[in-house]
């Protein structure tokens, strides 16, 4: 009985650790909040807030990114060094052109989910990621979750 109790405890602890990251509903809510902020405050102010890691736009491993539909990064809540760069040819560890795919998807639909791999800012490891994006004018406003 003690062994099965310990096993259950470790399984539950592992599930709780995995649950510490943001979920799909959190990503959708973050993007909707970011889109509302852009519309209310203007793009310049919003992009600065997103990149500056404003408290309302960073939650655990969840943060906002904004891409022009040509691949230029306008805001990045995890790495300010990306802002202003054209990342259309950026590839994940599997060689997937994830920025190119993202902007192509944004050009065709108002919202979508995208799968690729990226460095988790909390674990500092490359992990599978699902990015939720909404098209706003000539941009894709996105936030993503990491999956173990």
N, C-alpha and C. Protein backbone atom coordinates (compact mmCIF):
# COMPACT_ATOMS: atom_id res chain seq x y z
N UNK A 1 0.83 -1.19 0.00
CA UNK A 1 0.00 0.00 0.00
C UNK A 1 0.87 1.25 0.00
N UNK A 2 1.96 1.24 0.76
CA UNK A 2 2.85 2.38 0.83
C UNK A 2 3.46 2.67 -0.54
N UNK A 3 3.88 1.62 -1.25
CA UNK A 3 4.49 1.82 -2.57
C UNK A 3 3.48 2.43 -3.54
N UNK A 4 2.26 1.91 -3.57
CA UNK A 4 1.27 2.46 -4.50
C UNK A 4 0.91 3.89 -4.10
N UNK A 5 0.90 4.19 -2.82
CA UNK A 5 0.62 5.55 -2.36
C UNK A 5 1.71 6.51 -2.79
N UNK A 6 2.98 6.05 -2.67
CA UNK A 6 4.09 6.90 -3.12
C UNK A 6 4.05 7.09 -4.63
N UNK A 7 3.73 6.03 -5.36
CA UNK A 7 3.65 6.14 -6.81
C UNK A 7 2.58 7.16 -7.19
N UNK A 8 1.43 7.08 -6.56
CA UNK A 8 0.35 8.03 -6.85
C UNK A 8 0.79 9.45 -6.52
N UNK A 9 1.56 9.61 -5.42
CA UNK A 9 2.02 10.93 -5.03
C UNK A 9 2.95 11.51 -6.10
N UNK A 10 3.88 10.68 -6.61
CA UNK A 10 4.81 11.16 -7.63
C UNK A 10 4.10 11.44 -8.95
N UNK A 11 3.13 10.62 -9.31
CA UNK A 11 2.37 10.86 -10.53
C UNK A 11 1.62 12.18 -10.41
N UNK A 12 0.97 12.41 -9.28
CA UNK A 12 0.24 13.66 -9.07
C UNK A 12 1.19 14.86 -9.06
N UNK A 13 2.36 14.72 -8.44
CA UNK A 13 3.33 15.80 -8.41
C UNK A 13 3.81 16.11 -9.82
N UNK A 14 4.04 15.10 -10.63
CA UNK A 14 4.45 15.31 -12.02
C UNK A 14 3.38 16.03 -12.81
N UNK A 15 2.14 15.65 -12.61
CA UNK A 15 1.04 16.31 -13.30
C UNK A 15 0.93 17.77 -12.86
N UNK A 16 1.13 18.02 -11.58
CA UNK A 16 1.07 19.39 -11.07
C UNK A 16 2.20 20.22 -11.66
N UNK A 17 3.39 19.65 -11.79
CA UNK A 17 4.51 20.38 -12.37
C UNK A 17 4.21 20.73 -13.82
N UNK A 18 3.66 19.81 -14.57
CA UNK A 18 3.32 20.07 -15.97
C UNK A 18 2.23 21.14 -16.05
N UNK A 19 1.36 21.18 -15.05
CA UNK A 19 0.26 22.14 -15.05
C UNK A 19 0.73 23.54 -14.68
N UNK A 20 1.98 23.70 -14.24
CA UNK A 20 2.48 25.02 -13.86
C UNK A 20 2.59 25.96 -15.05
N UNK A 21 2.69 25.41 -16.26
CA UNK A 21 2.74 26.25 -17.45
C UNK A 21 1.34 26.69 -17.84
N UNK A 22 1.30 27.67 -18.73
CA UNK A 22 0.01 28.19 -19.20
C UNK A 22 -0.68 27.16 -20.09
N UNK A 23 -2.01 27.26 -20.18
CA UNK A 23 -2.80 26.37 -21.02
C UNK A 23 -3.38 27.11 -22.22
N UNK A 24 -4.12 26.38 -23.05
CA UNK A 24 -4.70 26.95 -24.28
C UNK A 24 -5.62 28.13 -23.97
N UNK A 25 -6.46 27.99 -22.97
CA UNK A 25 -7.37 29.09 -22.62
C UNK A 25 -6.59 30.34 -22.20
N UNK A 26 -5.47 30.14 -21.50
CA UNK A 26 -4.62 31.27 -21.10
C UNK A 26 -4.04 31.97 -22.32
N UNK A 27 -3.59 31.20 -23.31
CA UNK A 27 -3.02 31.78 -24.53
C UNK A 27 -4.05 32.59 -25.29
N UNK A 28 -5.24 32.03 -25.44
CA UNK A 28 -6.31 32.74 -26.15
C UNK A 28 -6.65 34.03 -25.41
N UNK A 29 -6.79 33.95 -24.09
CA UNK A 29 -7.13 35.13 -23.30
C UNK A 29 -6.04 36.20 -23.41
N UNK A 30 -4.77 35.78 -23.41
CA UNK A 30 -3.65 36.72 -23.51
C UNK A 30 -3.68 37.43 -24.86
N UNK A 31 -3.92 36.69 -25.93
CA UNK A 31 -3.97 37.31 -27.27
C UNK A 31 -5.14 38.28 -27.35
N UNK A 32 -6.29 37.89 -26.85
CA UNK A 32 -7.45 38.79 -26.89
C UNK A 32 -7.20 40.06 -26.08
N UNK A 33 -6.53 39.91 -24.96
CA UNK A 33 -6.17 41.08 -24.13
C UNK A 33 -5.18 41.97 -24.89
N UNK A 34 -4.20 41.36 -25.55
CA UNK A 34 -3.21 42.12 -26.32
C UNK A 34 -3.86 42.85 -27.49
N UNK A 35 -4.75 42.18 -28.20
CA UNK A 35 -5.45 42.80 -29.33
C UNK A 35 -6.27 44.00 -28.83
N UNK A 36 -6.96 43.83 -27.73
CA UNK A 36 -7.73 44.93 -27.15
C UNK A 36 -6.84 46.10 -26.75
N UNK A 37 -5.68 45.79 -26.22
CA UNK A 37 -4.73 46.84 -25.80
C UNK A 37 -4.20 47.59 -27.02
N UNK A 38 -3.89 46.87 -28.09
CA UNK A 38 -3.43 47.51 -29.33
C UNK A 38 -4.51 48.47 -29.84
N UNK A 39 -5.75 48.00 -29.87
CA UNK A 39 -6.85 48.83 -30.39
C UNK A 39 -7.12 50.03 -29.49
N UNK A 40 -6.95 49.89 -28.18
CA UNK A 40 -7.24 50.99 -27.24
C UNK A 40 -6.08 51.97 -27.11
N UNK A 41 -4.85 51.47 -27.11
CA UNK A 41 -3.68 52.31 -26.81
C UNK A 41 -2.82 52.64 -28.01
N UNK A 42 -3.04 51.93 -29.12
CA UNK A 42 -2.20 52.13 -30.30
C UNK A 42 -1.06 51.13 -30.33
N UNK A 43 -0.62 50.82 -31.54
CA UNK A 43 0.40 49.79 -31.72
C UNK A 43 1.72 50.13 -31.05
N UNK A 44 2.20 51.36 -31.20
CA UNK A 44 3.52 51.71 -30.65
C UNK A 44 3.58 51.50 -29.14
N UNK A 45 2.58 52.01 -28.43
CA UNK A 45 2.56 51.84 -26.98
C UNK A 45 2.43 50.36 -26.62
N UNK A 46 1.53 49.66 -27.32
CA UNK A 46 1.30 48.25 -27.02
C UNK A 46 2.56 47.42 -27.24
N UNK A 47 3.22 47.61 -28.37
CA UNK A 47 4.41 46.80 -28.67
C UNK A 47 5.49 47.02 -27.62
N UNK A 48 5.63 48.26 -27.16
CA UNK A 48 6.59 48.54 -26.10
C UNK A 48 6.24 47.83 -24.81
N UNK A 49 4.95 47.81 -24.49
CA UNK A 49 4.50 47.11 -23.28
C UNK A 49 4.75 45.60 -23.40
N UNK A 50 4.45 45.03 -24.55
CA UNK A 50 4.63 43.59 -24.73
C UNK A 50 6.10 43.21 -24.63
N UNK A 51 6.97 44.00 -25.27
CA UNK A 51 8.40 43.71 -25.27
C UNK A 51 9.02 44.01 -23.92
N UNK A 52 8.49 45.01 -23.23
CA UNK A 52 9.00 45.38 -21.92
C UNK A 52 8.56 44.44 -20.82
N UNK A 53 7.88 43.38 -21.19
CA UNK A 53 7.43 42.37 -20.24
C UNK A 53 6.49 42.95 -19.18
N UNK A 54 5.58 43.80 -19.61
CA UNK A 54 4.60 44.38 -18.70
C UNK A 54 3.86 43.26 -17.98
N UNK A 55 3.58 43.48 -16.73
CA UNK A 55 2.98 42.45 -15.88
C UNK A 55 1.74 41.81 -16.49
N UNK A 56 0.93 42.56 -17.19
CA UNK A 56 -0.28 42.02 -17.75
C UNK A 56 -0.08 41.19 -19.00
N UNK A 57 1.13 41.19 -19.55
CA UNK A 57 1.37 40.49 -20.81
C UNK A 57 2.44 39.41 -20.71
N UNK A 58 2.78 39.01 -19.49
CA UNK A 58 3.66 37.87 -19.24
C UNK A 58 3.05 37.08 -18.09
N UNK A 59 2.87 35.79 -18.30
CA UNK A 59 2.28 34.93 -17.28
C UNK A 59 2.99 33.59 -17.33
N UNK A 60 3.83 33.32 -16.37
CA UNK A 60 4.64 32.09 -16.34
C UNK A 60 5.44 31.97 -17.63
N UNK A 61 5.17 30.96 -18.46
CA UNK A 61 5.90 30.76 -19.72
C UNK A 61 5.16 31.37 -20.90
N UNK A 62 4.12 32.14 -20.63
CA UNK A 62 3.27 32.73 -21.67
C UNK A 62 3.62 34.20 -21.86
N UNK A 63 3.79 34.62 -23.12
CA UNK A 63 4.11 36.01 -23.43
C UNK A 63 3.59 36.32 -24.83
N UNK A 64 3.53 37.61 -25.16
CA UNK A 64 2.99 38.06 -26.44
C UNK A 64 4.11 38.32 -27.43
N UNK A 65 3.87 37.93 -28.69
CA UNK A 65 4.75 38.30 -29.81
C UNK A 65 3.86 38.87 -30.91
N UNK A 66 4.43 39.81 -31.68
CA UNK A 66 3.69 40.39 -32.80
C UNK A 66 4.63 40.39 -34.01
N UNK A 67 4.13 39.84 -35.12
CA UNK A 67 4.88 39.81 -36.37
C UNK A 67 4.12 40.57 -37.45
N UNK A 68 4.84 41.36 -38.25
CA UNK A 68 4.25 41.86 -39.48
C UNK A 68 4.10 40.66 -40.40
N UNK A 69 3.22 40.75 -41.36
CA UNK A 69 3.00 39.60 -42.25
C UNK A 69 4.13 39.38 -43.24
N UNK A 70 5.18 40.21 -43.18
CA UNK A 70 6.39 39.97 -43.98
C UNK A 70 7.48 39.28 -43.15
N UNK A 71 7.19 38.99 -41.88
CA UNK A 71 8.14 38.27 -41.02
C UNK A 71 8.92 39.14 -40.05
N UNK A 72 8.73 40.45 -40.09
CA UNK A 72 9.44 41.34 -39.18
C UNK A 72 8.80 41.29 -37.79
N UNK A 73 9.64 41.17 -36.76
CA UNK A 73 9.16 41.12 -35.38
C UNK A 73 8.90 42.55 -34.89
N UNK A 74 7.69 42.79 -34.42
CA UNK A 74 7.32 44.11 -33.91
C UNK A 74 7.32 44.16 -32.38
N UNK A 75 7.10 43.01 -31.75
CA UNK A 75 7.13 42.91 -30.29
C UNK A 75 7.46 41.47 -29.92
N UNK A 76 8.21 41.29 -28.84
CA UNK A 76 8.55 39.93 -28.39
C UNK A 76 8.75 39.95 -26.88
N UNK A 77 7.82 39.34 -26.17
CA UNK A 77 7.83 39.36 -24.71
C UNK A 77 8.88 38.50 -24.05
N UNK A 78 9.59 37.67 -24.81
CA UNK A 78 10.63 36.83 -24.22
C UNK A 78 12.04 37.28 -24.59
N UNK A 79 12.19 37.92 -25.76
CA UNK A 79 13.52 38.30 -26.21
C UNK A 79 13.46 39.59 -27.03
N UNK A 80 13.76 40.72 -26.39
CA UNK A 80 13.70 42.02 -27.04
C UNK A 80 14.67 42.13 -28.22
N UNK A 81 15.70 41.30 -28.25
CA UNK A 81 16.69 41.35 -29.34
C UNK A 81 16.07 40.97 -30.68
N UNK A 82 14.93 40.29 -30.68
CA UNK A 82 14.27 39.91 -31.92
C UNK A 82 13.52 41.08 -32.57
N UNK A 83 13.16 42.10 -31.79
CA UNK A 83 12.36 43.21 -32.30
C UNK A 83 13.12 43.95 -33.41
N UNK A 84 12.40 44.17 -34.52
CA UNK A 84 12.99 44.86 -35.66
C UNK A 84 13.65 43.93 -36.66
N UNK A 85 13.81 42.67 -36.30
CA UNK A 85 14.47 41.71 -37.19
C UNK A 85 13.46 41.01 -38.10
N UNK A 86 13.90 40.72 -39.30
CA UNK A 86 13.12 39.94 -40.25
C UNK A 86 13.45 38.47 -40.00
N UNK A 87 12.51 37.74 -39.46
CA UNK A 87 12.75 36.33 -39.12
C UNK A 87 12.01 35.37 -40.05
N UNK A 88 11.65 35.83 -41.24
CA UNK A 88 10.87 35.00 -42.17
C UNK A 88 11.55 33.66 -42.45
N UNK A 89 12.88 33.61 -42.40
CA UNK A 89 13.61 32.37 -42.66
C UNK A 89 13.99 31.61 -41.39
N UNK A 90 13.49 32.04 -40.23
CA UNK A 90 13.81 31.36 -38.97
C UNK A 90 13.27 29.93 -38.98
N UNK A 91 14.09 29.01 -38.49
CA UNK A 91 13.71 27.59 -38.43
C UNK A 91 13.77 27.11 -36.99
N UNK A 92 12.89 26.16 -36.68
CA UNK A 92 13.00 25.53 -35.36
C UNK A 92 14.03 24.40 -35.46
N UNK A 93 14.20 23.63 -34.39
CA UNK A 93 15.23 22.59 -34.36
C UNK A 93 14.99 21.48 -35.37
N UNK A 94 13.75 21.37 -35.86
CA UNK A 94 13.43 20.36 -36.86
C UNK A 94 13.50 20.91 -38.29
N UNK A 95 13.93 22.16 -38.43
CA UNK A 95 14.03 22.77 -39.74
C UNK A 95 12.74 23.39 -40.25
N UNK A 96 11.71 23.46 -39.41
CA UNK A 96 10.43 24.04 -39.81
C UNK A 96 10.57 25.56 -39.88
N UNK A 97 10.14 26.14 -40.99
CA UNK A 97 10.13 27.60 -41.17
C UNK A 97 8.89 28.16 -40.47
N UNK A 98 8.98 28.26 -39.15
CA UNK A 98 7.79 28.55 -38.36
C UNK A 98 7.27 29.98 -38.54
N UNK A 99 8.14 30.95 -38.75
CA UNK A 99 7.66 32.32 -38.96
C UNK A 99 6.99 32.44 -40.32
N UNK A 100 7.61 31.86 -41.33
CA UNK A 100 7.02 31.87 -42.68
C UNK A 100 5.63 31.21 -42.64
N UNK A 101 5.55 30.05 -41.98
CA UNK A 101 4.27 29.37 -41.86
C UNK A 101 3.25 30.24 -41.12
N UNK A 102 3.69 30.88 -40.05
CA UNK A 102 2.79 31.70 -39.23
C UNK A 102 2.20 32.85 -40.03
N UNK A 103 3.04 33.58 -40.74
CA UNK A 103 2.52 34.74 -41.48
C UNK A 103 1.66 34.30 -42.66
N UNK A 104 1.98 33.15 -43.26
CA UNK A 104 1.13 32.61 -44.33
C UNK A 104 -0.24 32.23 -43.78
N UNK A 105 -0.26 31.62 -42.59
CA UNK A 105 -1.52 31.25 -41.97
C UNK A 105 -2.33 32.50 -41.63
N UNK A 106 -1.66 33.53 -41.11
CA UNK A 106 -2.33 34.77 -40.73
C UNK A 106 -2.92 35.48 -41.95
N UNK A 107 -2.29 35.33 -43.09
CA UNK A 107 -2.78 35.97 -44.31
C UNK A 107 -4.08 35.31 -44.80
N UNK A 108 -4.32 34.07 -44.37
CA UNK A 108 -5.47 33.30 -44.87
C UNK A 108 -6.62 33.17 -43.89
N UNK A 109 -6.38 33.41 -42.60
CA UNK A 109 -7.44 33.18 -41.61
C UNK A 109 -7.33 34.16 -40.45
N UNK A 110 -8.43 34.49 -39.80
CA UNK A 110 -8.41 35.49 -38.74
C UNK A 110 -7.78 35.01 -37.43
N UNK A 111 -7.78 33.70 -37.19
CA UNK A 111 -7.15 33.15 -35.98
C UNK A 111 -6.78 31.69 -36.25
N UNK A 112 -5.78 31.21 -35.52
CA UNK A 112 -5.31 29.84 -35.75
C UNK A 112 -4.34 29.41 -34.65
N UNK A 113 -4.10 28.11 -34.60
CA UNK A 113 -3.08 27.49 -33.75
C UNK A 113 -1.96 26.98 -34.65
N UNK A 114 -0.73 27.07 -34.18
CA UNK A 114 0.43 26.60 -34.94
C UNK A 114 1.34 25.81 -34.01
N UNK A 115 1.88 24.69 -34.53
CA UNK A 115 2.81 23.85 -33.77
C UNK A 115 4.23 24.01 -34.29
N UNK A 116 5.19 24.13 -33.36
CA UNK A 116 6.61 24.17 -33.70
C UNK A 116 7.38 23.97 -32.40
N UNK A 117 8.70 24.14 -32.43
CA UNK A 117 9.50 23.98 -31.22
C UNK A 117 10.26 25.28 -30.97
N UNK A 118 10.35 25.66 -29.68
CA UNK A 118 11.00 26.92 -29.32
C UNK A 118 11.51 26.81 -27.89
N UNK A 119 12.43 27.70 -27.51
CA UNK A 119 12.99 27.70 -26.17
C UNK A 119 11.96 28.23 -25.18
N UNK A 120 11.68 27.43 -24.17
CA UNK A 120 10.78 27.83 -23.09
C UNK A 120 11.56 28.79 -22.19
N UNK A 121 11.05 30.01 -21.95
CA UNK A 121 11.79 30.98 -21.14
C UNK A 121 11.93 30.57 -19.67
N UNK A 122 11.09 29.65 -19.21
CA UNK A 122 11.17 29.20 -17.82
C UNK A 122 12.17 28.06 -17.68
N UNK A 123 12.04 27.02 -18.52
CA UNK A 123 12.92 25.86 -18.41
C UNK A 123 14.25 26.06 -19.14
N UNK A 124 14.29 27.01 -20.08
CA UNK A 124 15.46 27.28 -20.93
C UNK A 124 15.77 26.12 -21.87
N UNK A 125 14.79 25.26 -22.09
CA UNK A 125 14.96 24.11 -22.98
C UNK A 125 14.07 24.27 -24.20
N UNK A 126 14.50 23.69 -25.34
CA UNK A 126 13.66 23.67 -26.53
C UNK A 126 12.55 22.66 -26.28
N UNK A 127 11.31 23.11 -26.44
CA UNK A 127 10.15 22.25 -26.17
C UNK A 127 9.11 22.43 -27.27
N UNK A 128 8.24 21.45 -27.45
CA UNK A 128 7.12 21.63 -28.38
C UNK A 128 6.25 22.80 -27.91
N UNK A 129 5.82 23.61 -28.86
CA UNK A 129 5.04 24.79 -28.52
C UNK A 129 3.83 24.86 -29.44
N UNK A 130 2.72 25.34 -28.89
CA UNK A 130 1.52 25.63 -29.67
C UNK A 130 1.27 27.12 -29.54
N UNK A 131 1.24 27.81 -30.69
CA UNK A 131 1.06 29.26 -30.71
C UNK A 131 -0.34 29.59 -31.21
N UNK A 132 -1.05 30.41 -30.44
CA UNK A 132 -2.35 30.91 -30.87
C UNK A 132 -2.14 32.32 -31.40
N UNK A 133 -2.68 32.61 -32.58
CA UNK A 133 -2.51 33.91 -33.21
C UNK A 133 -3.84 34.46 -33.73
N UNK A 134 -3.94 35.77 -33.71
CA UNK A 134 -5.04 36.47 -34.34
C UNK A 134 -4.47 37.53 -35.26
N UNK A 135 -5.06 37.63 -36.45
CA UNK A 135 -4.63 38.64 -37.41
C UNK A 135 -5.24 39.99 -37.02
N UNK A 136 -4.41 41.01 -36.97
CA UNK A 136 -4.85 42.37 -36.71
C UNK A 136 -4.18 43.24 -37.79
N UNK A 137 -4.97 43.72 -38.71
CA UNK A 137 -4.47 44.50 -39.84
C UNK A 137 -3.39 43.69 -40.56
N UNK A 138 -2.16 44.21 -40.62
CA UNK A 138 -1.07 43.54 -41.32
C UNK A 138 -0.13 42.81 -40.34
N UNK A 139 -0.70 42.33 -39.22
CA UNK A 139 0.13 41.67 -38.21
C UNK A 139 -0.53 40.38 -37.70
N UNK A 140 0.29 39.57 -37.06
CA UNK A 140 -0.18 38.40 -36.32
C UNK A 140 0.20 38.64 -34.86
N UNK A 141 -0.80 38.68 -33.99
CA UNK A 141 -0.61 38.85 -32.55
C UNK A 141 -0.75 37.48 -31.93
N UNK A 142 0.29 37.03 -31.22
CA UNK A 142 0.34 35.63 -30.80
C UNK A 142 0.81 35.47 -29.36
N UNK A 143 0.43 34.33 -28.78
CA UNK A 143 0.95 33.88 -27.48
C UNK A 143 0.89 32.36 -27.53
N UNK A 144 1.89 31.71 -26.96
CA UNK A 144 1.95 30.25 -27.08
C UNK A 144 2.19 29.53 -25.79
N UNK A 145 1.83 28.27 -25.82
CA UNK A 145 2.00 27.40 -24.66
C UNK A 145 3.02 26.32 -24.99
N UNK A 146 3.71 25.86 -23.97
CA UNK A 146 4.69 24.79 -24.13
C UNK A 146 4.07 23.48 -23.66
N UNK A 147 4.35 22.42 -24.41
CA UNK A 147 3.79 21.10 -24.10
C UNK A 147 4.94 20.16 -23.78
N UNK A 148 4.80 19.44 -22.69
CA UNK A 148 5.83 18.45 -22.33
C UNK A 148 5.55 17.13 -22.99
